[in-house]
Amino acid sequence: MDGGRTGSTGRSVLAIGAHPDDIELGCGGALLAHVAAGDTVTVLVVTGGENGPGDDLRTAGRRAEQERAAGLLGARLVWGGLHDCEVAADSTTVRRIEQVLQSTGADLVYVHAPDDSHQDHRAVAGATLAAARRLPRVLHYQSPSTLTFTPTVYVDVTAYLTGKLAALAAHASQVEMSAMVEPDAVVASARHWGAHARIGYAEAFQPTRMVLDLAPAPAPAAPEAVPAAWSLTPSTGARIG
Protein backbone atom coordinates (compact mmCIF):
# COMPACT_ATOMS: atom_id res chain seq x y z
CA MET A 1 0.00 0.00 0.00
CA ASP A 2 1.41 3.37 -1.01
CA GLY A 3 -1.65 5.54 -1.31
CA GLY A 4 -2.42 4.02 -4.69
CA ARG A 5 0.73 5.19 -6.46
CA THR A 6 3.47 3.07 -7.92
CA GLY A 7 7.19 3.58 -7.47
CA SER A 8 8.46 6.39 -5.25
CA THR A 9 5.61 8.26 -3.57
CA GLY A 10 7.58 11.03 -1.90
CA ARG A 11 5.11 10.84 0.96
CA SER A 12 5.73 12.03 4.53
CA VAL A 13 4.66 9.31 6.95
CA LEU A 14 4.21 9.68 10.71
CA ALA A 15 3.86 6.65 12.99
CA ILE A 16 2.72 7.33 16.55
CA GLY A 17 3.06 5.00 19.52
CA ALA A 18 2.52 5.38 23.24
CA HIS A 19 5.64 3.43 24.27
CA PRO A 20 8.96 2.18 22.90
CA ASP A 21 8.39 -0.91 20.70
CA ASP A 22 4.68 -0.17 20.02
CA ILE A 23 5.40 1.19 16.54
CA GLU A 24 7.83 -1.54 15.52
CA LEU A 25 5.34 -4.20 16.58
CA GLY A 26 2.30 -2.56 15.00
CA CYS A 27 3.63 -1.21 11.71
CA GLY A 28 7.40 -1.78 11.52
CA GLY A 29 7.16 -3.71 8.26
CA ALA A 30 5.01 -1.04 6.62
CA LEU A 31 7.47 1.68 7.66
CA LEU A 32 10.36 -0.27 6.11
CA ALA A 33 8.30 -0.54 2.91
CA HIS A 34 7.70 3.22 2.97
CA VAL A 35 11.42 3.91 3.34
CA ALA A 36 12.17 1.53 0.46
CA ALA A 37 9.63 3.44 -1.66
CA GLY A 38 11.44 6.73 -1.00
CA ASP A 39 9.05 8.10 1.61
CA THR A 40 10.19 10.11 4.63
CA VAL A 41 9.28 8.35 7.87
CA THR A 42 9.07 9.87 11.35
CA VAL A 43 8.20 7.98 14.53
CA LEU A 44 6.69 9.82 17.49
CA VAL A 45 7.05 7.89 20.75
CA VAL A 46 4.83 9.63 23.25
CA THR A 47 6.39 8.30 26.49
CA GLY A 48 9.68 6.77 27.55
CA GLY A 49 8.16 3.46 28.66
CA GLU A 50 9.25 4.03 32.24
CA ASN A 51 6.66 1.62 33.66
CA GLY A 52 7.35 -1.22 31.24
CA PRO A 53 8.64 -4.67 32.27
CA GLY A 54 11.93 -4.94 34.15
CA ASP A 55 13.80 -3.13 36.89
CA ASP A 56 15.08 0.46 36.88
CA LEU A 57 18.30 -0.54 35.11
CA ARG A 58 16.37 -2.07 32.23
CA THR A 59 13.89 0.79 31.88
CA ALA A 60 16.72 3.35 31.95
CA GLY A 61 18.09 1.91 28.72
CA ARG A 62 14.76 2.00 26.92
CA ARG A 63 15.42 5.32 25.17
CA ALA A 64 18.68 4.03 23.69
CA GLU A 65 16.84 0.91 22.50
CA GLN A 66 14.24 3.04 20.78
CA GLU A 67 16.90 5.16 19.10
CA ARG A 68 18.55 2.03 17.74
CA ALA A 69 15.22 0.62 16.52
CA ALA A 70 14.36 3.86 14.72
CA GLY A 71 17.74 3.76 13.01
CA LEU A 72 17.10 0.21 11.82
CA LEU A 73 13.77 1.36 10.37
CA GLY A 74 15.42 4.31 8.62
CA ALA A 75 13.12 6.66 10.51
CA ARG A 76 13.60 9.94 12.34
CA LEU A 77 12.74 9.64 16.05
CA VAL A 78 10.78 12.26 17.99
CA TRP A 79 9.94 11.95 21.68
CA GLY A 80 6.58 13.15 22.99
CA GLY A 81 7.89 13.88 26.48
CA LEU A 82 4.90 12.47 28.38
CA HIS A 83 4.99 9.91 31.19
CA ASP A 84 4.19 6.22 30.85
CA CYS A 85 0.72 5.23 32.13
CA GLU A 86 -0.27 8.88 32.59
CA VAL A 87 -1.19 9.90 29.04
CA ALA A 88 -4.55 11.61 28.58
CA ALA A 89 -6.40 12.50 25.38
CA ASP A 90 -6.32 16.15 26.39
CA SER A 91 -5.19 19.41 24.85
CA THR A 92 -1.56 18.84 25.89
CA THR A 93 -1.32 15.53 24.02
CA VAL A 94 -3.28 16.81 21.02
CA ARG A 95 -1.06 19.89 20.78
CA ARG A 96 2.13 17.80 20.92
CA ILE A 97 0.92 15.58 18.09
CA GLU A 98 -0.20 18.62 16.08
CA GLN A 99 3.29 20.09 16.44
CA VAL A 100 4.88 16.97 14.97
CA LEU A 101 2.29 16.78 12.19
CA GLN A 102 3.05 20.36 11.27
CA SER A 103 6.84 19.98 11.42
CA THR A 104 6.82 16.83 9.28
CA GLY A 105 4.05 17.76 6.86
CA ALA A 106 2.80 14.19 7.23
CA ASP A 107 -0.14 13.15 5.09
CA LEU A 108 -0.31 9.54 6.29
CA VAL A 109 -0.50 8.60 9.98
CA TYR A 110 -0.25 5.21 11.68
CA VAL A 111 -1.45 4.96 15.29
CA HIS A 112 -2.93 2.56 17.84
CA ALA A 113 -6.39 1.11 17.35
CA PRO A 114 -8.87 3.06 19.52
CA ASP A 115 -10.43 0.05 21.28
CA ASP A 116 -7.58 -1.07 23.52
CA SER A 117 -7.29 -2.22 27.13
CA HIS A 118 -4.18 -0.07 27.78
CA GLN A 119 -5.15 3.44 28.79
CA ASP A 120 -2.13 5.04 27.09
CA HIS A 121 -2.96 3.36 23.77
CA ARG A 122 -6.56 4.61 23.96
CA ALA A 123 -5.44 8.11 24.86
CA VAL A 124 -2.86 8.34 22.06
CA ALA A 125 -5.39 7.05 19.52
CA GLY A 126 -7.99 9.57 20.65
CA ALA A 127 -5.57 12.49 20.69
CA THR A 128 -4.28 11.54 17.24
CA LEU A 129 -7.78 11.45 15.78
CA ALA A 130 -8.28 14.99 17.05
CA ALA A 131 -4.88 16.25 15.88
CA ALA A 132 -5.21 14.57 12.45
CA ARG A 133 -8.86 15.47 11.91
CA ARG A 134 -8.06 17.20 8.60
CA LEU A 135 -5.70 14.52 7.24
CA PRO A 136 -6.89 12.21 4.44
CA ARG A 137 -5.05 9.09 5.63
CA VAL A 138 -5.22 7.73 9.20
CA LEU A 139 -4.59 4.02 9.76
CA HIS A 140 -4.78 2.11 13.05
CA TYR A 141 -2.50 -0.81 13.90
CA GLN A 142 -3.08 -3.73 16.25
CA SER A 143 -1.33 -4.15 19.60
CA PRO A 144 -1.34 -7.21 21.89
CA SER A 145 -3.77 -5.29 24.13
CA THR A 146 -6.16 -4.33 21.29
CA LEU A 147 -9.73 -5.46 21.96
CA THR A 148 -11.71 -4.90 18.74
CA PHE A 149 -9.88 -4.79 15.41
CA THR A 150 -11.50 -5.00 11.97
CA PRO A 151 -8.80 -4.31 9.38
CA THR A 152 -9.55 -3.68 5.73
CA VAL A 153 -6.18 -2.29 4.62
CA TYR A 154 -3.12 -4.53 4.29
CA VAL A 155 0.55 -3.89 3.55
CA ASP A 156 2.67 -6.64 2.01
CA VAL A 157 5.65 -7.02 4.37
CA THR A 158 7.02 -10.25 2.94
CA ALA A 159 10.26 -8.53 1.96
CA TYR A 160 10.50 -6.60 5.25
CA LEU A 161 9.67 -9.15 7.94
CA THR A 162 13.34 -9.79 8.76
CA GLY A 163 13.91 -6.05 9.14
CA LYS A 164 10.89 -5.73 11.41
CA LEU A 165 12.18 -8.52 13.64
CA ALA A 166 15.60 -6.81 13.82
CA ALA A 167 13.97 -3.54 14.90
CA LEU A 168 11.95 -5.36 17.56
CA ALA A 169 15.08 -7.15 18.78
CA ALA A 170 16.61 -3.74 19.51
CA HIS A 171 14.06 -3.47 22.35
CA ALA A 172 15.83 -6.18 24.30
CA SER A 173 14.61 -5.06 27.73
CA GLN A 174 11.01 -5.69 26.65
CA VAL A 175 11.31 -8.49 24.11
CA GLU A 176 13.13 -10.76 26.55
CA MET A 177 10.33 -10.44 29.11
CA SER A 178 7.22 -10.57 26.94
CA ALA A 179 5.80 -13.53 25.03
CA MET A 180 3.67 -11.08 23.04
CA VAL A 181 6.68 -9.91 21.01
CA GLU A 182 8.46 -13.22 20.51
CA PRO A 183 9.62 -13.62 16.88
CA ASP A 184 7.44 -16.70 16.35
CA ALA A 185 4.35 -14.78 17.42
CA VAL A 186 5.21 -11.84 15.17
CA VAL A 187 5.75 -14.09 12.16
CA ALA A 188 2.54 -16.02 12.85
CA SER A 189 0.55 -12.79 13.03
CA ALA A 190 2.02 -11.58 9.73
CA ARG A 191 1.18 -14.91 8.08
CA HIS A 192 -2.36 -14.76 9.49
CA TRP A 193 -3.01 -11.33 8.02
CA GLY A 194 -1.21 -12.33 4.83
CA ALA A 195 -3.73 -15.14 4.37
CA HIS A 196 -6.55 -12.63 4.81
CA ALA A 197 -4.96 -10.39 2.18
CA ARG A 198 -4.17 -13.31 -0.19
CA ILE A 199 -0.44 -12.60 -0.04
CA GLY A 200 2.55 -14.02 1.84
CA TYR A 201 2.99 -11.89 4.97
CA ALA A 202 1.11 -8.73 5.82
CA GLU A 203 0.48 -6.07 8.40
CA ALA A 204 -3.18 -5.16 8.84
CA PHE A 205 -4.72 -1.76 9.47
CA GLN A 206 -8.11 -0.43 10.39
CA PRO A 207 -8.71 2.86 8.58
CA THR A 208 -10.38 5.95 9.89
CA ARG A 209 -9.72 7.41 6.42
CA MET A 210 -7.65 6.09 3.54
CA VAL A 211 -7.71 8.21 0.39
CA LEU A 212 -6.16 6.66 -2.72
CA ASP A 213 -4.52 9.17 -5.06
CA LEU A 214 -4.19 6.96 -8.12
CA ALA A 215 -2.23 9.54 -10.12
CA PRO A 216 -0.79 12.92 -9.13
CA ALA A 217 -3.10 15.62 -10.42
CA PRO A 218 -1.43 18.69 -11.96
CA ALA A 219 -2.11 21.86 -10.05
CA PRO A 220 -4.36 24.26 -11.99
CA ALA A 221 -2.72 27.45 -13.20
CA ALA A 222 -5.45 29.51 -11.57
CA PRO A 223 -8.50 28.76 -9.44
CA GLU A 224 -11.32 27.57 -11.66
CA ALA A 225 -14.90 28.67 -11.22
CA VAL A 226 -17.35 26.01 -10.11
CA PRO A 227 -19.35 24.89 -13.18
CA ALA A 228 -22.87 26.29 -13.05
CA ALA A 229 -24.34 22.79 -13.15
CA TRP A 230 -22.52 21.91 -9.92
CA SER A 231 -23.39 25.08 -8.01
CA LEU A 232 -25.61 24.80 -4.96
CA THR A 233 -26.52 28.48 -5.24
CA PRO A 234 -28.30 29.71 -8.38
CA SER A 235 -26.33 32.29 -10.29
CA THR A 236 -27.68 35.85 -10.62
CA GLY A 237 -30.55 36.02 -13.02
CA ALA A 238 -31.08 32.26 -13.22
CA ARG A 239 -34.68 31.07 -13.23
CA ILE A 240 -35.79 28.81 -10.42
CA GLY A 241 -38.59 26.36 -11.08
C-alpha atoms as a PDB file:
ATOM      1  CA  MET A   1       0.000   0.000   0.000  1.00  0.00           C
ATOM      2  CA  ASP A   2       1.414   3.373  -1.012  1.00  0.00           C
ATOM      3  CA  GLY A   3      -1.653   5.542  -1.314  1.00  0.00           C
ATOM      4  CA  GLY A   4      -2.417   4.016  -4.687  1.00  0.00           C
ATOM      5  CA  ARG A   5       0.732   5.193  -6.458  1.00  0.00           C
ATOM      6  CA  THR A   6       3.471   3.068  -7.916  1.00  0.00           C
ATOM      7  CA  GLY A   7       7.193   3.582  -7.471  1.00  0.00           C
ATOM      8  CA  SER A   8       8.463   6.389  -5.248  1.00  0.00           C
ATOM      9  CA  THR A   9       5.615   8.255  -3.571  1.00  0.00           C
ATOM     10  CA  GLY A  10       7.582  11.029  -1.903  1.00  0.00           C
ATOM     11  CA  ARG A  11       5.115  10.843   0.960  1.00  0.00           C
ATOM     12  CA  SER A  12       5.732  12.029   4.527  1.00  0.00           C
ATOM     13  CA  VAL A  13       4.663   9.314   6.951  1.00  0.00           C
ATOM     14  CA  LEU A  14       4.208   9.685  10.708  1.00  0.00           C
ATOM     15  CA  ALA A  15       3.864   6.647  12.987  1.00  0.00           C
ATOM     16  CA  ILE A  16       2.720   7.329  16.550  1.00  0.00           C
ATOM     17  CA  GLY A  17       3.062   4.995  19.520  1.00  0.00           C
ATOM     18  CA  ALA A  18       2.519   5.379  23.240  1.00  0.00           C
ATOM     19  CA  HIS A  19       5.643   3.430  24.266  1.00  0.00           C
ATOM     20  CA  PRO A  20       8.959   2.177  22.897  1.00  0.00           C
ATOM     21  CA  ASP A  21       8.393  -0.915  20.696  1.00  0.00           C
ATOM     22  CA  ASP A  22       4.677  -0.165  20.021  1.00  0.00           C
ATOM     23  CA  ILE A  23       5.402   1.188  16.542  1.00  0.00           C
ATOM     24  CA  GLU A  24       7.832  -1.543  15.525  1.00  0.00           C
ATOM     25  CA  LEU A  25       5.342  -4.205  16.583  1.00  0.00           C
ATOM     26  CA  GLY A  26       2.299  -2.560  15.003  1.00  0.00           C
ATOM     27  CA  CYS A  27       3.634  -1.207  11.707  1.00  0.00           C
ATOM     28  CA  GLY A  28       7.397  -1.777  11.517  1.00  0.00           C
ATOM     29  CA  GLY A  29       7.160  -3.707   8.260  1.00  0.00           C
ATOM     30  CA  ALA A  30       5.007  -1.041   6.623  1.00  0.00           C
ATOM     31  CA  LEU A  31       7.475   1.677   7.664  1.00  0.00           C
ATOM     32  CA  LEU A  32      10.356  -0.268   6.114  1.00  0.00           C
ATOM     33  CA  ALA A  33       8.300  -0.541   2.914  1.00  0.00           C
ATOM     34  CA  HIS A  34       7.696   3.219   2.966  1.00  0.00           C
ATOM     35  CA  VAL A  35      11.418   3.914   3.339  1.00  0.00           C
ATOM     36  CA  ALA A  36      12.165   1.531   0.462  1.00  0.00           C
ATOM     37  CA  ALA A  37       9.632   3.436  -1.658  1.00  0.00           C
ATOM     38  CA  GLY A  38      11.439   6.727  -0.999  1.00  0.00           C
ATOM     39  CA  ASP A  39       9.053   8.101   1.615  1.00  0.00           C
ATOM     40  CA  THR A  40      10.189  10.113   4.630  1.00  0.00           C
ATOM     41  CA  VAL A  41       9.277   8.351   7.867  1.00  0.00           C
ATOM     42  CA  THR A  42       9.073   9.873  11.354  1.00  0.00           C
ATOM     43  CA  VAL A  43       8.199   7.980  14.526  1.00  0.00           C
ATOM     44  CA  LEU A  44       6.692   9.823  17.488  1.00  0.00           C
ATOM     45  CA  VAL A  45       7.052   7.886  20.751  1.00  0.00           C
ATOM     46  CA  VAL A  46       4.827   9.634  23.252  1.00  0.00           C
ATOM     47  CA  THR A  47       6.394   8.296  26.493  1.00  0.00           C
ATOM     48  CA  GLY A  48       9.682   6.771  27.549  1.00  0.00           C
ATOM     49  CA  GLY A  49       8.164   3.459  28.663  1.00  0.00           C
ATOM     50  CA  GLU A  50       9.249   4.028  32.239  1.00  0.00           C
ATOM     51  CA  ASN A  51       6.664   1.619  33.660  1.00  0.00           C
ATOM     52  CA  GLY A  52       7.355  -1.223  31.241  1.00  0.00           C
ATOM     53  CA  PRO A  53       8.639  -4.666  32.267  1.00  0.00           C
ATOM     54  CA  GLY A  54      11.931  -4.935  34.154  1.00  0.00           C
ATOM     55  CA  ASP A  55      13.799  -3.129  36.885  1.00  0.00           C
ATOM     56  CA  ASP A  56      15.079   0.459  36.881  1.00  0.00           C
ATOM     57  CA  LEU A  57      18.298  -0.540  35.107  1.00  0.00           C
ATOM     58  CA  ARG A  58      16.370  -2.071  32.227  1.00  0.00           C
ATOM     59  CA  THR A  59      13.895   0.791  31.877  1.00  0.00           C
ATOM     60  CA  ALA A  60      16.718   3.351  31.950  1.00  0.00           C
ATOM     61  CA  GLY A  61      18.091   1.910  28.724  1.00  0.00           C
ATOM     62  CA  ARG A  62      14.761   2.001  26.921  1.00  0.00           C
ATOM     63  CA  ARG A  63      15.425   5.320  25.172  1.00  0.00           C
ATOM     64  CA  ALA A  64      18.676   4.029  23.688  1.00  0.00           C
ATOM     65  CA  GLU A  65      16.841   0.912  22.499  1.00  0.00           C
ATOM     66  CA  GLN A  66      14.235   3.041  20.775  1.00  0.00           C
ATOM     67  CA  GLU A  67      16.903   5.164  19.104  1.00  0.00           C
ATOM     68  CA  ARG A  68      18.546   2.029  17.741  1.00  0.00           C
ATOM     69  CA  ALA A  69      15.222   0.618  16.524  1.00  0.00           C
ATOM     70  CA  ALA A  70      14.358   3.857  14.718  1.00  0.00           C
ATOM     71  CA  GLY A  71      17.742   3.758  13.013  1.00  0.00           C
ATOM     72  CA  LEU A  72      17.100   0.207  11.824  1.00  0.00           C
ATOM     73  CA  LEU A  73      13.773   1.357  10.366  1.00  0.00           C
ATOM     74  CA  GLY A  74      15.423   4.306   8.622  1.00  0.00           C
ATOM     75  CA  ALA A  75      13.117   6.665  10.511  1.00  0.00           C
ATOM     76  CA  ARG A  76      13.599   9.943  12.343  1.00  0.00           C
ATOM     77  CA  LEU A  77      12.741   9.641  16.051  1.00  0.00           C
ATOM     78  CA  VAL A  78      10.777  12.264  17.989  1.00  0.00           C
ATOM     79  CA  TRP A  79       9.942  11.951  21.682  1.00  0.00           C
ATOM     80  CA  GLY A  80       6.582  13.146  22.987  1.00  0.00           C
ATOM     81  CA  GLY A  81       7.891  13.882  26.485  1.00  0.00           C
ATOM     82  CA  LEU A  82       4.896  12.472  28.378  1.00  0.00           C
ATOM     83  CA  HIS A  83       4.990   9.907  31.194  1.00  0.00           C
ATOM     84  CA  ASP A  84       4.189   6.220  30.847  1.00  0.00           C
ATOM     85  CA  CYS A  85       0.717   5.229  32.134  1.00  0.00           C
ATOM     86  CA  GLU A  86      -0.266   8.879  32.592  1.00  0.00           C
ATOM     87  CA  VAL A  87      -1.187   9.899  29.042  1.00  0.00           C
ATOM     88  CA  ALA A  88      -4.554  11.609  28.580  1.00  0.00           C
ATOM     89  CA  ALA A  89      -6.396  12.497  25.379  1.00  0.00           C
ATOM     90  CA  ASP A  90      -6.317  16.149  26.393  1.00  0.00           C
ATOM     91  CA  SER A  91      -5.193  19.415  24.849  1.00  0.00           C
ATOM     92  CA  THR A  92      -1.564  18.838  25.888  1.00  0.00           C
ATOM     93  CA  THR A  93      -1.320  15.529  24.018  1.00  0.00           C
ATOM     94  CA  VAL A  94      -3.275  16.809  21.015  1.00  0.00           C
ATOM     95  CA  ARG A  95      -1.061  19.891  20.780  1.00  0.00           C
ATOM     96  CA  ARG A  96       2.127  17.801  20.918  1.00  0.00           C
ATOM     97  CA  ILE A  97       0.917  15.576  18.086  1.00  0.00           C
ATOM     98  CA  GLU A  98      -0.202  18.617  16.081  1.00  0.00           C
ATOM     99  CA  GLN A  99       3.288  20.088  16.439  1.00  0.00           C
ATOM    100  CA  VAL A 100       4.879  16.972  14.965  1.00  0.00           C
ATOM    101  CA  LEU A 101       2.288  16.776  12.191  1.00  0.00           C
ATOM    102  CA  GLN A 102       3.053  20.365  11.271  1.00  0.00           C
ATOM    103  CA  SER A 103       6.838  19.980  11.418  1.00  0.00           C
ATOM    104  CA  THR A 104       6.823  16.835   9.282  1.00  0.00           C
ATOM    105  CA  GLY A 105       4.054  17.764   6.859  1.00  0.00           C
ATOM    106  CA  ALA A 106       2.804  14.189   7.229  1.00  0.00           C
ATOM    107  CA  ASP A 107      -0.141  13.151   5.088  1.00  0.00           C
ATOM    108  CA  LEU A 108      -0.306   9.537   6.294  1.00  0.00           C
ATOM    109  CA  VAL A 109      -0.499   8.601   9.977  1.00  0.00           C
ATOM    110  CA  TYR A 110      -0.251   5.211  11.675  1.00  0.00           C
ATOM    111  CA  VAL A 111      -1.454   4.964  15.287  1.00  0.00           C
ATOM    112  CA  HIS A 112      -2.929   2.557  17.845  1.00  0.00           C
ATOM    113  CA  ALA A 113      -6.394   1.110  17.351  1.00  0.00           C
ATOM    114  CA  PRO A 114      -8.874   3.058  19.520  1.00  0.00           C
ATOM    115  CA  ASP A 115     -10.426   0.052  21.277  1.00  0.00           C
ATOM    116  CA  ASP A 116      -7.581  -1.065  23.520  1.00  0.00           C
ATOM    117  CA  SER A 117      -7.287  -2.219  27.126  1.00  0.00           C
ATOM    118  CA  HIS A 118      -4.179  -0.073  27.775  1.00  0.00           C
ATOM    119  CA  GLN A 119      -5.148   3.437  28.791  1.00  0.00           C
ATOM    120  CA  ASP A 120      -2.132   5.043  27.092  1.00  0.00           C
ATOM    121  CA  HIS A 121      -2.964   3.361  23.772  1.00  0.00           C
ATOM    122  CA  ARG A 122      -6.556   4.608  23.962  1.00  0.00           C
ATOM    123  CA  ALA A 123      -5.443   8.114  24.857  1.00  0.00           C
ATOM    124  CA  VAL A 124      -2.864   8.337  22.061  1.00  0.00           C
ATOM    125  CA  ALA A 125      -5.389   7.051  19.521  1.00  0.00           C
ATOM    126  CA  GLY A 126      -7.993   9.567  20.646  1.00  0.00           C
ATOM    127  CA  ALA A 127      -5.568  12.490  20.692  1.00  0.00           C
ATOM    128  CA  THR A 128      -4.277  11.545  17.245  1.00  0.00           C
ATOM    129  CA  LEU A 129      -7.779  11.447  15.775  1.00  0.00           C
ATOM    130  CA  ALA A 130      -8.278  14.989  17.050  1.00  0.00           C
ATOM    131  CA  ALA A 131      -4.885  16.249  15.875  1.00  0.00           C
ATOM    132  CA  ALA A 132      -5.212  14.569  12.452  1.00  0.00           C
ATOM    133  CA  ARG A 133      -8.863  15.467  11.907  1.00  0.00           C
ATOM    134  CA  ARG A 134      -8.057  17.201   8.598  1.00  0.00           C
ATOM    135  CA  LEU A 135      -5.703  14.519   7.240  1.00  0.00           C
ATOM    136  CA  PRO A 136      -6.892  12.212   4.439  1.00  0.00           C
ATOM    137  CA  ARG A 137      -5.053   9.089   5.631  1.00  0.00           C
ATOM    138  CA  VAL A 138      -5.219   7.730   9.198  1.00  0.00           C
ATOM    139  CA  LEU A 139      -4.594   4.017   9.756  1.00  0.00           C
ATOM    140  CA  HIS A 140      -4.784   2.111  13.048  1.00  0.00           C
ATOM    141  CA  TYR A 141      -2.502  -0.808  13.897  1.00  0.00           C
ATOM    142  CA  GLN A 142      -3.076  -3.726  16.247  1.00  0.00           C
ATOM    143  CA  SER A 143      -1.333  -4.148  19.603  1.00  0.00           C
ATOM    144  CA  PRO A 144      -1.336  -7.210  21.891  1.00  0.00           C
ATOM    145  CA  SER A 145      -3.771  -5.294  24.128  1.00  0.00           C
ATOM    146  CA  THR A 146      -6.163  -4.333  21.291  1.00  0.00           C
ATOM    147  CA  LEU A 147      -9.735  -5.456  21.960  1.00  0.00           C
ATOM    148  CA  THR A 148     -11.705  -4.902  18.738  1.00  0.00           C
ATOM    149  CA  PHE A 149      -9.876  -4.790  15.413  1.00  0.00           C
ATOM    150  CA  THR A 150     -11.499  -5.005  11.974  1.00  0.00           C
ATOM    151  CA  PRO A 151      -8.798  -4.308   9.376  1.00  0.00           C
ATOM    152  CA  THR A 152      -9.554  -3.675   5.730  1.00  0.00           C
ATOM    153  CA  VAL A 153      -6.180  -2.294   4.617  1.00  0.00           C
ATOM    154  CA  TYR A 154      -3.117  -4.530   4.291  1.00  0.00           C
ATOM    155  CA  VAL A 155       0.551  -3.887   3.548  1.00  0.00           C
ATOM    156  CA  ASP A 156       2.674  -6.637   2.006  1.00  0.00           C
ATOM    157  CA  VAL A 157       5.646  -7.016   4.370  1.00  0.00           C
ATOM    158  CA  THR A 158       7.016 -10.254   2.938  1.00  0.00           C
ATOM    159  CA  ALA A 159      10.258  -8.533   1.958  1.00  0.00           C
ATOM    160  CA  TYR A 160      10.501  -6.605   5.252  1.00  0.00           C
ATOM    161  CA  LEU A 161       9.671  -9.147   7.939  1.00  0.00           C
ATOM    162  CA  THR A 162      13.337  -9.785   8.763  1.00  0.00           C
ATOM    163  CA  GLY A 163      13.909  -6.049   9.136  1.00  0.00           C
ATOM    164  CA  LYS A 164      10.891  -5.734  11.408  1.00  0.00           C
ATOM    165  CA  LEU A 165      12.185  -8.521  13.639  1.00  0.00           C
ATOM    166  CA  ALA A 166      15.599  -6.808  13.818  1.00  0.00           C
ATOM    167  CA  ALA A 167      13.967  -3.536  14.897  1.00  0.00           C
ATOM    168  CA  LEU A 168      11.947  -5.361  17.556  1.00  0.00           C
ATOM    169  CA  ALA A 169      15.077  -7.147  18.783  1.00  0.00           C
ATOM    170  CA  ALA A 170      16.606  -3.735  19.508  1.00  0.00           C
ATOM    171  CA  HIS A 171      14.055  -3.470  22.346  1.00  0.00           C
ATOM    172  CA  ALA A 172      15.834  -6.180  24.302  1.00  0.00           C
ATOM    173  CA  SER A 173      14.606  -5.057  27.734  1.00  0.00           C
ATOM    174  CA  GLN A 174      11.006  -5.688  26.650  1.00  0.00           C
ATOM    175  CA  VAL A 175      11.307  -8.494  24.108  1.00  0.00           C
ATOM    176  CA  GLU A 176      13.132 -10.763  26.553  1.00  0.00           C
ATOM    177  CA  MET A 177      10.334 -10.438  29.105  1.00  0.00           C
ATOM    178  CA  SER A 178       7.220 -10.573  26.938  1.00  0.00           C
ATOM    179  CA  ALA A 179       5.799 -13.534  25.033  1.00  0.00           C
ATOM    180  CA  MET A 180       3.674 -11.078  23.037  1.00  0.00           C
ATOM    181  CA  VAL A 181       6.680  -9.910  21.008  1.00  0.00           C
ATOM    182  CA  GLU A 182       8.463 -13.222  20.510  1.00  0.00           C
ATOM    183  CA  PRO A 183       9.621 -13.622  16.881  1.00  0.00           C
ATOM    184  CA  ASP A 184       7.442 -16.700  16.349  1.00  0.00           C
ATOM    185  CA  ALA A 185       4.353 -14.783  17.421  1.00  0.00           C
ATOM    186  CA  VAL A 186       5.206 -11.835  15.169  1.00  0.00           C
ATOM    187  CA  VAL A 187       5.746 -14.089  12.156  1.00  0.00           C
ATOM    188  CA  ALA A 188       2.541 -16.024  12.851  1.00  0.00           C
ATOM    189  CA  SER A 189       0.550 -12.792  13.030  1.00  0.00           C
ATOM    190  CA  ALA A 190       2.018 -11.585   9.725  1.00  0.00           C
ATOM    191  CA  ARG A 191       1.184 -14.909   8.085  1.00  0.00           C
ATOM    192  CA  HIS A 192      -2.360 -14.761   9.486  1.00  0.00           C
ATOM    193  CA  TRP A 193      -3.008 -11.328   8.016  1.00  0.00           C
ATOM    194  CA  GLY A 194      -1.214 -12.330   4.825  1.00  0.00           C
ATOM    195  CA  ALA A 195      -3.725 -15.140   4.369  1.00  0.00           C
ATOM    196  CA  HIS A 196      -6.553 -12.632   4.806  1.00  0.00           C
ATOM    197  CA  ALA A 197      -4.960 -10.389   2.176  1.00  0.00           C
ATOM    198  CA  ARG A 198      -4.169 -13.306  -0.186  1.00  0.00           C
ATOM    199  CA  ILE A 199      -0.440 -12.602  -0.037  1.00  0.00           C
ATOM    200  CA  GLY A 200       2.550 -14.024   1.840  1.00  0.00           C
ATOM    201  CA  TYR A 201       2.991 -11.893   4.967  1.00  0.00           C
ATOM    202  CA  ALA A 202       1.105  -8.726   5.819  1.00  0.00           C
ATOM    203  CA  GLU A 203       0.478  -6.066   8.402  1.00  0.00           C
ATOM    204  CA  ALA A 204      -3.180  -5.164   8.844  1.00  0.00           C
ATOM    205  CA  PHE A 205      -4.723  -1.757   9.472  1.00  0.00           C
ATOM    206  CA  GLN A 206      -8.114  -0.435  10.391  1.00  0.00           C
ATOM    207  CA  PRO A 207      -8.708   2.860   8.580  1.00  0.00           C
ATOM    208  CA  THR A 208     -10.379   5.953   9.891  1.00  0.00           C
ATOM    209  CA  ARG A 209      -9.721   7.408   6.424  1.00  0.00           C
ATOM    210  CA  MET A 210      -7.646   6.086   3.536  1.00  0.00           C
ATOM    211  CA  VAL A 211      -7.709   8.207   0.391  1.00  0.00           C
ATOM    212  CA  LEU A 212      -6.160   6.659  -2.721  1.00  0.00           C
ATOM    213  CA  ASP A 213      -4.517   9.167  -5.064  1.00  0.00           C
ATOM    214  CA  LEU A 214      -4.195   6.963  -8.123  1.00  0.00           C
ATOM    215  CA  ALA A 215      -2.231   9.539 -10.116  1.00  0.00           C
ATOM    216  CA  PRO A 216      -0.789  12.917  -9.133  1.00  0.00           C
ATOM    217  CA  ALA A 217      -3.099  15.625 -10.417  1.00  0.00           C
ATOM    218  CA  PRO A 218      -1.429  18.686 -11.959  1.00  0.00           C
ATOM    219  CA  ALA A 219      -2.108  21.859 -10.045  1.00  0.00           C
ATOM    220  CA  PRO A 220      -4.360  24.257 -11.986  1.00  0.00           C
ATOM    221  CA  ALA A 221      -2.724  27.454 -13.202  1.00  0.00           C
ATOM    222  CA  ALA A 222      -5.452  29.511 -11.568  1.00  0.00           C
ATOM    223  CA  PRO A 223      -8.503  28.764  -9.437  1.00  0.00           C
ATOM    224  CA  GLU A 224     -11.323  27.567 -11.663  1.00  0.00           C
ATOM    225  CA  ALA A 225     -14.900  28.666 -11.218  1.00  0.00           C
ATOM    226  CA  VAL A 226     -17.349  26.006 -10.110  1.00  0.00           C
ATOM    227  CA  PRO A 227     -19.352  24.888 -13.176  1.00  0.00           C
ATOM    228  CA  ALA A 228     -22.872  26.288 -13.050  1.00  0.00           C
ATOM    229  CA  ALA A 229     -24.343  22.787 -13.147  1.00  0.00           C
ATOM    230  CA  TRP A 230     -22.517  21.911  -9.918  1.00  0.00           C
ATOM    231  CA  SER A 231     -23.389  25.084  -8.013  1.00  0.00           C
ATOM    232  CA  LEU A 232     -25.612  24.802  -4.963  1.00  0.00           C
ATOM    233  CA  THR A 233     -26.517  28.480  -5.238  1.00  0.00           C
ATOM    234  CA  PRO A 234     -28.304  29.710  -8.377  1.00  0.00           C
ATOM    235  CA  SER A 235     -26.334  32.287 -10.294  1.00  0.00           C
ATOM    236  CA  THR A 236     -27.678  35.849 -10.623  1.00  0.00           C
ATOM    237  CA  GLY A 237     -30.550  36.021 -13.021  1.00  0.00           C
ATOM    238  CA  ALA A 238     -31.078  32.262 -13.218  1.00  0.00           C
ATOM    239  CA  ARG A 239     -34.682  31.075 -13.228  1.00  0.00           C
ATOM    240  CA  ILE A 240     -35.795  28.811 -10.421  1.00  0.00           C
ATOM    241  CA  GLY A 241     -38.592  26.356 -11.084  1.00  0.00           C
END
